[in-house]
């Protein structure tokens, strides 16, 4: 599989806070979405485009009910954006990774596999929808120190992913939960109210302890 970073067109720079930030968008997101633009403006974040077409096709077939598909199908479709994210991680070498929805599941796997050890912000992660339950349980039992200093930003009225599952997972891993009031899955209000940027700053402070 070819790398999206074989010939990078962007040169990553540190933000005014002296850290390098990588943003990984969600299934329907992009490198020009609301969260990407906000993080680029505030943190000079690099926001690569991940190839999500296989997962989008699969979601269309199941009407968004992932449990109707075999886990093997999901794993196969998940591999392309995961590979893209890993390439981005190796190229950017970020201090902070902010990952939205689908990419929250990608970030969970990257940390679980020992491929990332920096600060992390999970934005309404779709871990329970995309990753095998036994894999998540095994990774949770290991209680990586990276997860113990993670930040989980959730929308109070998210109807796409399960807040209760994410809160339980964050609690089991020792992560910190931030809830954006009256906000949905896209976390638009978290962007508008600066909660997203505050979550990034919190993740940096946790890693420095």
N, C-alpha and C. Protein backbone atom coordinates (compact mmCIF):
# COMPACT_ATOMS: atom_id res chain seq x y z
N UNK A 1 0.84 -1.20 0.00
CA UNK A 1 0.00 0.00 0.00
C UNK A 1 0.88 1.25 0.00
N UNK A 2 0.61 2.17 -0.90
CA UNK A 2 1.42 3.37 -1.00
C UNK A 2 1.19 4.31 0.19
N UNK A 3 2.20 5.07 0.52
CA UNK A 3 2.11 5.99 1.64
C UNK A 3 1.61 7.35 1.18
N UNK A 4 0.77 7.99 1.99
CA UNK A 4 0.30 9.33 1.66
C UNK A 4 1.39 10.36 1.93
N UNK A 5 2.47 9.91 2.56
CA UNK A 5 3.55 10.82 2.90
C UNK A 5 4.85 10.49 2.17
N UNK A 6 4.73 9.83 1.02
CA UNK A 6 5.92 9.53 0.24
C UNK A 6 6.61 10.82 -0.18
N UNK A 7 5.82 11.78 -0.63
CA UNK A 7 6.36 13.09 -1.03
C UNK A 7 5.53 14.17 -0.35
N UNK A 8 5.78 14.40 0.93
CA UNK A 8 4.97 15.38 1.67
C UNK A 8 5.06 16.77 1.08
N UNK A 9 3.92 17.42 0.99
CA UNK A 9 3.87 18.76 0.44
C UNK A 9 3.92 19.83 1.52
N UNK A 10 3.71 19.40 2.78
CA UNK A 10 3.68 20.36 3.88
C UNK A 10 4.87 20.13 4.81
N UNK A 11 5.38 21.20 5.35
CA UNK A 11 6.45 21.11 6.33
C UNK A 11 5.87 21.48 7.69
N UNK A 12 5.94 20.54 8.61
CA UNK A 12 5.36 20.78 9.93
C UNK A 12 6.21 21.74 10.74
N UNK A 13 5.55 22.63 11.45
CA UNK A 13 6.23 23.56 12.32
C UNK A 13 5.64 23.49 13.71
N UNK A 14 6.44 23.85 14.70
CA UNK A 14 5.94 23.90 16.05
C UNK A 14 4.92 25.02 16.19
N UNK A 15 4.01 24.87 17.13
CA UNK A 15 3.06 25.93 17.44
C UNK A 15 3.73 26.95 18.34
N UNK A 16 2.99 28.00 18.64
CA UNK A 16 3.52 29.03 19.54
C UNK A 16 3.77 28.48 20.94
N UNK A 17 3.21 27.30 21.22
CA UNK A 17 3.41 26.68 22.53
C UNK A 17 4.64 25.76 22.54
N UNK A 18 5.32 25.67 21.41
CA UNK A 18 6.52 24.86 21.34
C UNK A 18 6.28 23.37 21.19
N UNK A 19 5.08 22.99 20.71
CA UNK A 19 4.77 21.58 20.49
C UNK A 19 4.29 21.36 19.06
N UNK A 20 4.43 20.14 18.60
CA UNK A 20 3.98 19.76 17.27
C UNK A 20 2.69 18.95 17.40
N UNK A 21 1.66 19.37 16.67
CA UNK A 21 0.34 18.76 16.79
C UNK A 21 -0.08 18.10 15.48
N UNK A 22 -0.60 16.90 15.57
CA UNK A 22 -1.16 16.17 14.43
C UNK A 22 -2.64 15.95 14.68
N UNK A 23 -3.48 16.33 13.70
CA UNK A 23 -4.91 16.07 13.80
C UNK A 23 -5.32 15.00 12.80
N UNK A 24 -6.02 13.99 13.29
CA UNK A 24 -6.53 12.91 12.44
C UNK A 24 -8.05 13.00 12.41
N UNK A 25 -8.61 13.25 11.22
CA UNK A 25 -10.04 13.50 11.08
C UNK A 25 -10.87 12.22 11.14
N UNK A 26 -12.18 12.42 11.21
CA UNK A 26 -13.11 11.30 11.29
C UNK A 26 -13.52 10.75 9.94
N UNK A 27 -14.45 9.82 9.96
CA UNK A 27 -14.87 9.12 8.75
C UNK A 27 -15.40 10.07 7.68
N UNK A 28 -16.19 11.05 8.08
CA UNK A 28 -16.72 12.03 7.13
C UNK A 28 -15.96 13.35 7.17
N UNK A 29 -14.91 13.40 7.96
CA UNK A 29 -14.15 14.63 8.11
C UNK A 29 -13.15 14.83 6.98
N UNK A 30 -12.38 15.90 7.11
CA UNK A 30 -11.37 16.20 6.10
C UNK A 30 -10.30 17.09 6.72
N UNK A 31 -9.27 17.34 5.94
CA UNK A 31 -8.19 18.20 6.41
C UNK A 31 -8.60 19.67 6.39
N UNK A 32 -9.82 19.96 5.89
CA UNK A 32 -10.32 21.35 5.84
C UNK A 32 -11.59 21.51 6.67
N UNK A 33 -11.86 20.55 7.55
CA UNK A 33 -13.05 20.62 8.38
C UNK A 33 -12.92 21.62 9.52
N UNK A 34 -13.98 21.76 10.30
CA UNK A 34 -14.03 22.75 11.37
C UNK A 34 -12.94 22.53 12.41
N UNK A 35 -12.82 21.30 12.89
CA UNK A 35 -11.81 21.01 13.92
C UNK A 35 -10.41 21.17 13.35
N UNK A 36 -10.20 20.71 12.12
CA UNK A 36 -8.89 20.83 11.48
C UNK A 36 -8.49 22.29 11.33
N UNK A 37 -9.41 23.13 10.88
CA UNK A 37 -9.11 24.54 10.68
C UNK A 37 -8.81 25.24 12.00
N UNK A 38 -9.57 24.89 13.03
CA UNK A 38 -9.36 25.49 14.34
C UNK A 38 -8.00 25.11 14.91
N UNK A 39 -7.64 23.85 14.81
CA UNK A 39 -6.36 23.37 15.33
C UNK A 39 -5.19 23.90 14.51
N UNK A 40 -5.41 24.08 13.23
CA UNK A 40 -4.37 24.66 12.38
C UNK A 40 -4.10 26.10 12.78
N UNK A 41 -5.18 26.84 13.06
CA UNK A 41 -5.04 28.24 13.41
C UNK A 41 -4.39 28.43 14.77
N UNK A 42 -4.80 27.61 15.74
CA UNK A 42 -4.32 27.79 17.12
C UNK A 42 -3.00 27.08 17.39
N UNK A 43 -2.82 25.90 16.76
CA UNK A 43 -1.68 25.05 17.10
C UNK A 43 -0.76 24.77 15.92
N UNK A 44 -1.05 25.35 14.78
CA UNK A 44 -0.28 25.07 13.56
C UNK A 44 -0.27 23.57 13.27
N UNK A 45 -1.39 22.93 13.55
CA UNK A 45 -1.48 21.47 13.41
C UNK A 45 -1.39 21.03 11.95
N UNK A 46 -0.77 19.90 11.75
CA UNK A 46 -0.78 19.27 10.43
C UNK A 46 -1.99 18.36 10.37
N UNK A 47 -2.79 18.48 9.31
CA UNK A 47 -4.07 17.77 9.21
C UNK A 47 -4.13 17.00 7.88
N UNK A 48 -3.55 15.82 7.83
CA UNK A 48 -3.54 15.07 6.57
C UNK A 48 -4.92 14.51 6.22
N UNK A 49 -5.13 14.26 4.94
CA UNK A 49 -6.36 13.61 4.49
C UNK A 49 -6.17 12.10 4.55
N UNK A 50 -7.05 11.42 5.24
CA UNK A 50 -6.99 9.96 5.34
C UNK A 50 -7.96 9.34 4.34
N UNK A 51 -7.55 8.24 3.77
CA UNK A 51 -8.40 7.56 2.78
C UNK A 51 -9.45 6.70 3.49
N UNK A 52 -10.69 7.16 3.45
CA UNK A 52 -11.77 6.51 4.20
C UNK A 52 -12.82 5.85 3.30
N UNK A 53 -12.56 5.79 1.99
CA UNK A 53 -13.60 5.34 1.07
C UNK A 53 -14.12 3.93 1.37
N UNK A 54 -13.22 3.02 1.76
CA UNK A 54 -13.66 1.64 2.04
C UNK A 54 -14.60 1.58 3.24
N UNK A 55 -14.26 2.33 4.28
CA UNK A 55 -15.13 2.36 5.46
C UNK A 55 -16.45 3.06 5.16
N UNK A 56 -16.41 4.10 4.35
CA UNK A 56 -17.64 4.80 3.97
C UNK A 56 -18.56 3.88 3.19
N UNK A 57 -17.99 3.10 2.27
CA UNK A 57 -18.79 2.13 1.50
C UNK A 57 -19.41 1.09 2.41
N UNK A 58 -18.62 0.62 3.37
CA UNK A 58 -19.11 -0.41 4.29
C UNK A 58 -20.22 0.14 5.18
N UNK A 59 -20.04 1.38 5.64
CA UNK A 59 -21.07 1.99 6.48
C UNK A 59 -22.37 2.15 5.70
N UNK A 60 -22.25 2.51 4.42
CA UNK A 60 -23.43 2.67 3.58
C UNK A 60 -24.20 1.35 3.46
N UNK A 61 -23.48 0.26 3.38
CA UNK A 61 -24.10 -1.06 3.22
C UNK A 61 -24.85 -1.49 4.48
N UNK A 62 -24.39 -1.02 5.64
CA UNK A 62 -25.03 -1.45 6.88
C UNK A 62 -25.89 -0.35 7.50
N UNK A 63 -26.05 0.75 6.79
CA UNK A 63 -26.88 1.84 7.30
C UNK A 63 -26.36 2.45 8.58
N UNK A 64 -25.07 2.37 8.77
CA UNK A 64 -24.46 2.95 9.97
C UNK A 64 -24.51 2.05 11.19
N UNK A 65 -25.10 0.87 11.05
CA UNK A 65 -25.16 -0.09 12.17
C UNK A 65 -24.01 -1.08 11.99
N UNK A 66 -22.88 -0.76 12.57
CA UNK A 66 -21.66 -1.54 12.33
C UNK A 66 -21.78 -2.98 12.78
N UNK A 67 -22.62 -3.24 13.76
CA UNK A 67 -22.79 -4.60 14.28
C UNK A 67 -23.40 -5.55 13.25
N UNK A 68 -23.96 -4.99 12.17
CA UNK A 68 -24.54 -5.82 11.11
C UNK A 68 -23.48 -6.37 10.16
N UNK A 69 -22.27 -5.88 10.26
CA UNK A 69 -21.17 -6.35 9.42
C UNK A 69 -20.23 -7.23 10.21
N UNK A 70 -19.57 -8.14 9.52
CA UNK A 70 -18.58 -8.99 10.18
C UNK A 70 -17.38 -8.14 10.59
N UNK A 71 -16.80 -8.45 11.73
CA UNK A 71 -15.65 -7.69 12.21
C UNK A 71 -14.49 -7.75 11.23
N UNK A 72 -14.37 -8.86 10.54
CA UNK A 72 -13.28 -9.00 9.56
C UNK A 72 -13.43 -7.97 8.43
N UNK A 73 -14.66 -7.71 8.01
CA UNK A 73 -14.91 -6.70 6.98
C UNK A 73 -14.50 -5.32 7.47
N UNK A 74 -14.87 -5.02 8.73
CA UNK A 74 -14.52 -3.73 9.31
C UNK A 74 -13.01 -3.60 9.42
N UNK A 75 -12.36 -4.65 9.88
CA UNK A 75 -10.90 -4.64 10.02
C UNK A 75 -10.22 -4.34 8.69
N UNK A 76 -10.69 -4.97 7.63
CA UNK A 76 -10.09 -4.77 6.30
C UNK A 76 -10.26 -3.33 5.83
N UNK A 77 -11.46 -2.78 6.02
CA UNK A 77 -11.73 -1.40 5.58
C UNK A 77 -10.99 -0.39 6.46
N UNK A 78 -10.77 -0.75 7.71
CA UNK A 78 -10.10 0.11 8.68
C UNK A 78 -8.60 0.23 8.39
N UNK A 79 -8.06 -0.74 7.70
CA UNK A 79 -6.60 -0.83 7.51
C UNK A 79 -6.04 0.36 6.73
N UNK A 80 -6.77 0.85 5.72
CA UNK A 80 -6.24 1.95 4.90
C UNK A 80 -6.08 3.25 5.68
N UNK A 81 -7.14 3.75 6.35
CA UNK A 81 -6.92 4.97 7.13
C UNK A 81 -5.94 4.76 8.29
N UNK A 82 -5.90 3.56 8.85
CA UNK A 82 -4.94 3.28 9.91
C UNK A 82 -3.51 3.39 9.38
N UNK A 83 -3.29 2.83 8.19
CA UNK A 83 -1.98 2.89 7.57
C UNK A 83 -1.59 4.33 7.26
N UNK A 84 -2.55 5.11 6.77
CA UNK A 84 -2.29 6.53 6.49
C UNK A 84 -1.91 7.28 7.76
N UNK A 85 -2.64 7.01 8.84
CA UNK A 85 -2.37 7.68 10.11
C UNK A 85 -0.99 7.30 10.64
N UNK A 86 -0.61 6.03 10.49
CA UNK A 86 0.70 5.58 10.94
C UNK A 86 1.81 6.26 10.14
N UNK A 87 1.61 6.40 8.84
CA UNK A 87 2.57 7.11 8.00
C UNK A 87 2.71 8.57 8.46
N UNK A 88 1.56 9.19 8.75
CA UNK A 88 1.57 10.58 9.21
C UNK A 88 2.31 10.70 10.54
N UNK A 89 2.06 9.75 11.42
CA UNK A 89 2.71 9.75 12.73
C UNK A 89 4.23 9.65 12.58
N UNK A 90 4.68 8.79 11.71
CA UNK A 90 6.11 8.60 11.52
C UNK A 90 6.76 9.81 10.86
N UNK A 91 6.01 10.49 10.02
CA UNK A 91 6.54 11.66 9.34
C UNK A 91 6.58 12.89 10.25
N UNK A 92 5.47 13.13 10.94
CA UNK A 92 5.34 14.34 11.75
C UNK A 92 6.09 14.23 13.08
N UNK A 93 6.07 13.01 13.68
CA UNK A 93 6.65 12.81 15.02
C UNK A 93 6.06 13.83 16.00
N UNK A 94 4.74 13.81 16.17
CA UNK A 94 4.06 14.84 16.97
C UNK A 94 4.25 14.69 18.47
N UNK A 95 4.09 15.81 19.16
CA UNK A 95 4.02 15.79 20.62
C UNK A 95 2.59 15.51 21.08
N UNK A 96 1.64 15.90 20.23
CA UNK A 96 0.22 15.73 20.55
C UNK A 96 -0.51 15.18 19.33
N UNK A 97 -1.36 14.18 19.54
CA UNK A 97 -2.26 13.71 18.48
C UNK A 97 -3.69 13.94 18.94
N UNK A 98 -4.44 14.65 18.12
CA UNK A 98 -5.87 14.87 18.35
C UNK A 98 -6.60 14.03 17.31
N UNK A 99 -7.48 13.14 17.76
CA UNK A 99 -8.11 12.20 16.83
C UNK A 99 -9.62 12.21 16.99
N UNK A 100 -10.33 12.35 15.89
CA UNK A 100 -11.78 12.47 15.91
C UNK A 100 -12.49 11.20 15.43
N UNK A 101 -13.46 10.73 16.20
CA UNK A 101 -14.37 9.65 15.83
C UNK A 101 -13.62 8.41 15.31
N UNK A 102 -13.68 8.13 14.02
CA UNK A 102 -12.96 6.99 13.45
C UNK A 102 -11.50 7.01 13.86
N UNK A 103 -10.89 8.18 13.79
CA UNK A 103 -9.47 8.27 14.11
C UNK A 103 -9.21 8.12 15.60
N UNK A 104 -10.25 8.27 16.42
CA UNK A 104 -10.11 7.95 17.83
C UNK A 104 -9.82 6.47 18.00
N UNK A 105 -10.48 5.65 17.17
CA UNK A 105 -10.22 4.21 17.18
C UNK A 105 -8.80 3.93 16.66
N UNK A 106 -8.39 4.69 15.66
CA UNK A 106 -7.02 4.55 15.12
C UNK A 106 -5.99 4.90 16.19
N UNK A 107 -6.22 6.00 16.90
CA UNK A 107 -5.28 6.42 17.94
C UNK A 107 -5.24 5.39 19.07
N UNK A 108 -6.39 4.84 19.42
CA UNK A 108 -6.44 3.81 20.46
C UNK A 108 -5.56 2.63 20.06
N UNK A 109 -5.63 2.23 18.80
CA UNK A 109 -4.82 1.10 18.33
C UNK A 109 -3.34 1.46 18.29
N UNK A 110 -3.02 2.68 17.85
CA UNK A 110 -1.62 3.10 17.79
C UNK A 110 -0.98 3.08 19.18
N UNK A 111 -1.72 3.55 20.17
CA UNK A 111 -1.20 3.53 21.54
C UNK A 111 -1.11 2.10 22.05
N UNK A 112 -2.14 1.31 21.79
CA UNK A 112 -2.17 -0.08 22.26
C UNK A 112 -1.02 -0.90 21.69
N UNK A 113 -0.62 -0.58 20.45
CA UNK A 113 0.46 -1.31 19.79
C UNK A 113 1.83 -0.74 20.16
N UNK A 114 1.86 0.28 21.01
CA UNK A 114 3.13 0.88 21.42
C UNK A 114 3.77 1.75 20.36
N UNK A 115 2.96 2.24 19.42
CA UNK A 115 3.49 3.04 18.31
C UNK A 115 3.42 4.54 18.57
N UNK A 116 2.75 4.93 19.64
CA UNK A 116 2.67 6.35 19.99
C UNK A 116 2.66 6.49 21.50
N UNK A 117 3.47 7.43 22.02
CA UNK A 117 3.59 7.57 23.47
C UNK A 117 3.44 9.03 23.93
N UNK A 118 2.96 9.90 23.04
CA UNK A 118 2.83 11.31 23.39
C UNK A 118 1.46 11.65 23.96
N UNK A 119 1.18 12.95 24.00
CA UNK A 119 -0.10 13.44 24.50
C UNK A 119 -1.21 13.08 23.51
N UNK A 120 -2.40 12.80 24.03
CA UNK A 120 -3.48 12.37 23.15
C UNK A 120 -4.82 12.96 23.56
N UNK A 121 -5.61 13.35 22.54
CA UNK A 121 -6.96 13.85 22.76
C UNK A 121 -7.90 13.02 21.89
N UNK A 122 -8.81 12.30 22.54
CA UNK A 122 -9.81 11.50 21.82
C UNK A 122 -11.09 12.32 21.72
N UNK A 123 -11.48 12.68 20.50
CA UNK A 123 -12.70 13.46 20.26
C UNK A 123 -13.83 12.53 19.82
N UNK A 124 -14.77 12.28 20.73
CA UNK A 124 -15.91 11.41 20.43
C UNK A 124 -15.46 10.16 19.68
N UNK A 125 -14.54 9.38 20.25
CA UNK A 125 -13.96 8.25 19.53
C UNK A 125 -14.95 7.13 19.24
N UNK A 126 -14.81 6.53 18.05
CA UNK A 126 -15.68 5.43 17.64
C UNK A 126 -15.01 4.09 17.91
N UNK A 127 -14.39 3.97 19.06
CA UNK A 127 -13.66 2.75 19.43
C UNK A 127 -14.60 1.56 19.50
N UNK A 128 -15.73 1.73 20.19
CA UNK A 128 -16.67 0.62 20.35
C UNK A 128 -17.33 0.18 19.07
N UNK A 129 -17.37 1.05 18.07
CA UNK A 129 -18.00 0.72 16.79
C UNK A 129 -17.06 -0.01 15.84
N UNK A 130 -15.76 0.32 15.89
CA UNK A 130 -14.84 -0.14 14.85
C UNK A 130 -13.82 -1.19 15.30
N UNK A 131 -13.45 -1.20 16.55
CA UNK A 131 -12.44 -2.16 17.01
C UNK A 131 -13.08 -3.37 17.67
N UNK A 132 -12.48 -4.54 17.52
CA UNK A 132 -13.02 -5.75 18.15
C UNK A 132 -13.09 -5.60 19.66
N UNK A 133 -14.17 -6.06 20.26
CA UNK A 133 -14.38 -5.90 21.70
C UNK A 133 -13.27 -6.58 22.50
N UNK A 134 -12.83 -7.76 22.05
CA UNK A 134 -11.78 -8.46 22.80
C UNK A 134 -10.45 -7.72 22.72
N UNK A 135 -10.20 -7.04 21.60
CA UNK A 135 -8.98 -6.26 21.45
C UNK A 135 -9.00 -5.07 22.41
N UNK A 136 -10.13 -4.40 22.46
CA UNK A 136 -10.27 -3.24 23.35
C UNK A 136 -10.14 -3.67 24.80
N UNK A 137 -10.75 -4.80 25.15
CA UNK A 137 -10.68 -5.29 26.52
C UNK A 137 -9.25 -5.63 26.91
N UNK A 138 -8.54 -6.30 26.01
CA UNK A 138 -7.16 -6.67 26.30
C UNK A 138 -6.27 -5.43 26.46
N UNK A 139 -6.46 -4.44 25.57
CA UNK A 139 -5.68 -3.21 25.65
C UNK A 139 -5.99 -2.44 26.93
N UNK A 140 -7.25 -2.46 27.33
CA UNK A 140 -7.67 -1.78 28.56
C UNK A 140 -7.03 -2.42 29.78
N UNK A 141 -6.97 -3.74 29.79
CA UNK A 141 -6.39 -4.47 30.92
C UNK A 141 -4.90 -4.16 31.11
N UNK A 142 -4.23 -3.81 30.02
CA UNK A 142 -2.79 -3.50 30.10
C UNK A 142 -2.53 -2.15 30.76
N UNK A 143 -3.53 -1.26 30.71
CA UNK A 143 -3.46 0.06 31.36
C UNK A 143 -2.16 0.81 31.02
N UNK A 144 -1.94 1.03 29.74
CA UNK A 144 -0.78 1.80 29.30
C UNK A 144 -0.73 3.17 29.96
N UNK A 145 0.48 3.60 30.35
CA UNK A 145 0.65 4.91 30.97
C UNK A 145 0.26 6.03 30.01
N UNK A 146 0.33 5.76 28.70
CA UNK A 146 -0.07 6.77 27.71
C UNK A 146 -1.57 7.05 27.84
N UNK A 147 -2.36 6.01 27.98
CA UNK A 147 -3.80 6.19 28.17
C UNK A 147 -4.11 6.91 29.47
N UNK A 148 -3.30 6.67 30.49
CA UNK A 148 -3.54 7.27 31.80
C UNK A 148 -3.43 8.79 31.75
N UNK A 149 -2.78 9.31 30.71
CA UNK A 149 -2.64 10.76 30.58
C UNK A 149 -3.37 11.29 29.36
N UNK A 150 -4.38 10.53 28.91
CA UNK A 150 -5.16 10.95 27.74
C UNK A 150 -6.34 11.81 28.15
N UNK A 151 -6.84 12.61 27.19
CA UNK A 151 -8.03 13.44 27.38
C UNK A 151 -9.11 12.95 26.42
N UNK A 152 -10.31 12.79 26.95
CA UNK A 152 -11.45 12.31 26.15
C UNK A 152 -12.49 13.42 26.09
N UNK A 153 -12.67 14.01 24.92
CA UNK A 153 -13.62 15.10 24.72
C UNK A 153 -14.89 14.54 24.08
N UNK A 154 -15.99 14.65 24.80
CA UNK A 154 -17.26 14.07 24.34
C UNK A 154 -18.35 15.12 24.23
N UNK A 155 -19.24 14.92 23.25
CA UNK A 155 -20.40 15.80 23.11
C UNK A 155 -21.53 15.29 23.99
N UNK A 156 -22.12 16.16 24.77
CA UNK A 156 -23.13 15.75 25.75
C UNK A 156 -24.30 15.00 25.11
N UNK A 157 -24.71 15.41 23.91
CA UNK A 157 -25.88 14.80 23.27
C UNK A 157 -25.47 14.05 21.99
N UNK A 158 -24.31 13.43 22.01
CA UNK A 158 -23.83 12.65 20.88
C UNK A 158 -24.74 11.45 20.65
N UNK A 159 -25.26 11.30 19.43
CA UNK A 159 -26.13 10.17 19.10
C UNK A 159 -25.45 9.19 18.15
N UNK A 160 -24.17 9.41 17.86
CA UNK A 160 -23.44 8.55 16.91
C UNK A 160 -22.62 7.49 17.64
N UNK A 161 -21.91 7.90 18.67
CA UNK A 161 -21.14 6.94 19.47
C UNK A 161 -21.68 6.94 20.90
N UNK A 162 -21.38 5.90 21.63
CA UNK A 162 -21.89 5.76 22.99
C UNK A 162 -21.03 6.51 24.00
N UNK A 163 -21.58 7.55 24.60
CA UNK A 163 -20.85 8.28 25.63
C UNK A 163 -20.60 7.39 26.84
N UNK A 164 -21.57 6.57 27.19
CA UNK A 164 -21.40 5.71 28.37
C UNK A 164 -20.24 4.74 28.18
N UNK A 165 -20.11 4.21 26.96
CA UNK A 165 -18.99 3.30 26.68
C UNK A 165 -17.67 4.04 26.74
N UNK A 166 -17.62 5.22 26.14
CA UNK A 166 -16.38 6.00 26.14
C UNK A 166 -15.99 6.46 27.55
N UNK A 167 -16.97 6.84 28.34
CA UNK A 167 -16.68 7.25 29.71
C UNK A 167 -16.17 6.07 30.52
N UNK A 168 -16.80 4.92 30.36
CA UNK A 168 -16.36 3.71 31.07
C UNK A 168 -14.94 3.33 30.65
N UNK A 169 -14.68 3.46 29.36
CA UNK A 169 -13.36 3.11 28.83
C UNK A 169 -12.30 4.08 29.35
N UNK A 170 -12.61 5.37 29.29
CA UNK A 170 -11.68 6.38 29.79
C UNK A 170 -11.39 6.17 31.28
N UNK A 171 -12.42 5.87 32.03
CA UNK A 171 -12.27 5.64 33.47
C UNK A 171 -11.38 4.42 33.73
N UNK A 172 -11.62 3.34 32.97
CA UNK A 172 -10.83 2.12 33.15
C UNK A 172 -9.36 2.34 32.79
N UNK A 173 -9.12 3.24 31.84
CA UNK A 173 -7.76 3.51 31.37
C UNK A 173 -7.07 4.59 32.19
N UNK A 174 -7.84 5.31 33.00
CA UNK A 174 -7.26 6.39 33.79
C UNK A 174 -7.20 7.72 33.07
N UNK A 175 -7.96 7.85 31.97
CA UNK A 175 -7.97 9.09 31.20
C UNK A 175 -8.87 10.14 31.82
N UNK A 176 -8.75 11.38 31.34
CA UNK A 176 -9.56 12.49 31.83
C UNK A 176 -10.68 12.79 30.83
N UNK A 177 -11.90 12.92 31.32
CA UNK A 177 -13.07 13.16 30.47
C UNK A 177 -13.50 14.62 30.54
N UNK A 178 -13.71 15.23 29.38
CA UNK A 178 -14.26 16.58 29.27
C UNK A 178 -15.53 16.49 28.42
N UNK A 179 -16.63 16.98 28.94
CA UNK A 179 -17.90 16.93 28.21
C UNK A 179 -18.27 18.32 27.74
N UNK A 180 -18.51 18.46 26.44
CA UNK A 180 -18.93 19.73 25.85
C UNK A 180 -20.45 19.82 25.97
N UNK A 181 -20.98 20.77 26.74
CA UNK A 181 -22.42 20.87 27.00
C UNK A 181 -23.26 21.04 25.73
N UNK A 182 -24.37 20.29 25.70
CA UNK A 182 -25.35 20.41 24.60
C UNK A 182 -24.69 20.33 23.23
N UNK A 183 -23.70 19.47 23.12
CA UNK A 183 -22.93 19.33 21.88
C UNK A 183 -23.12 17.94 21.29
N UNK A 184 -23.03 17.84 19.97
CA UNK A 184 -23.20 16.57 19.29
C UNK A 184 -21.88 15.92 18.91
N UNK A 185 -21.98 14.95 18.01
CA UNK A 185 -20.82 14.16 17.63
C UNK A 185 -19.73 14.98 16.96
N UNK A 186 -20.11 15.97 16.22
CA UNK A 186 -19.11 16.77 15.48
C UNK A 186 -18.38 17.78 16.38
N UNK A 187 -18.89 17.96 17.60
CA UNK A 187 -18.24 18.83 18.58
C UNK A 187 -18.05 20.27 18.08
N UNK A 188 -19.03 20.75 17.32
CA UNK A 188 -18.94 22.12 16.81
C UNK A 188 -18.92 23.15 17.94
N UNK A 189 -19.69 22.89 18.99
CA UNK A 189 -19.73 23.83 20.10
C UNK A 189 -18.43 23.81 20.89
N UNK A 190 -17.78 22.66 20.93
CA UNK A 190 -16.49 22.57 21.61
C UNK A 190 -15.44 23.42 20.89
N UNK A 191 -15.58 23.48 19.56
CA UNK A 191 -14.68 24.33 18.77
C UNK A 191 -14.99 25.80 19.03
N UNK A 192 -16.28 26.15 18.96
CA UNK A 192 -16.71 27.54 19.12
C UNK A 192 -16.38 28.08 20.51
N UNK A 193 -16.52 27.24 21.52
CA UNK A 193 -16.33 27.68 22.91
C UNK A 193 -14.89 27.53 23.39
N UNK A 194 -14.02 27.05 22.50
CA UNK A 194 -12.60 26.88 22.82
C UNK A 194 -12.31 25.68 23.71
N UNK A 195 -13.30 24.80 23.92
CA UNK A 195 -13.08 23.60 24.73
C UNK A 195 -12.11 22.65 24.04
N UNK A 196 -12.14 22.61 22.70
CA UNK A 196 -11.22 21.75 21.98
C UNK A 196 -9.78 22.18 22.24
N UNK A 197 -9.50 23.46 22.11
CA UNK A 197 -8.15 23.95 22.37
C UNK A 197 -7.74 23.74 23.82
N UNK A 198 -8.69 23.90 24.74
CA UNK A 198 -8.41 23.67 26.16
C UNK A 198 -8.07 22.20 26.40
N UNK A 199 -8.71 21.31 25.65
CA UNK A 199 -8.43 19.87 25.79
C UNK A 199 -7.01 19.55 25.35
N UNK A 200 -6.57 20.19 24.28
CA UNK A 200 -5.20 19.99 23.81
C UNK A 200 -4.21 20.46 24.87
N UNK A 201 -4.48 21.63 25.42
CA UNK A 201 -3.60 22.18 26.46
C UNK A 201 -3.57 21.28 27.69
N UNK A 202 -4.72 20.74 28.05
CA UNK A 202 -4.79 19.82 29.19
C UNK A 202 -3.96 18.57 28.94
N UNK A 203 -4.02 18.06 27.71
CA UNK A 203 -3.25 16.85 27.39
C UNK A 203 -1.75 17.10 27.52
N UNK A 204 -1.31 18.29 27.15
CA UNK A 204 0.10 18.64 27.27
C UNK A 204 0.50 18.74 28.74
N UNK A 205 -0.36 19.36 29.54
CA UNK A 205 -0.07 19.51 30.97
C UNK A 205 -0.01 18.15 31.65
N UNK A 206 -0.87 17.23 31.25
CA UNK A 206 -0.87 15.89 31.85
C UNK A 206 0.42 15.14 31.52
N UNK A 207 0.89 15.30 30.28
CA UNK A 207 2.11 14.61 29.89
C UNK A 207 3.34 15.16 30.60
N UNK A 208 3.26 16.41 31.02
CA UNK A 208 4.41 17.05 31.68
C UNK A 208 4.51 16.70 33.16
N UNK A 209 3.44 16.09 33.71
CA UNK A 209 3.45 15.75 35.13
C UNK A 209 4.33 14.52 35.39
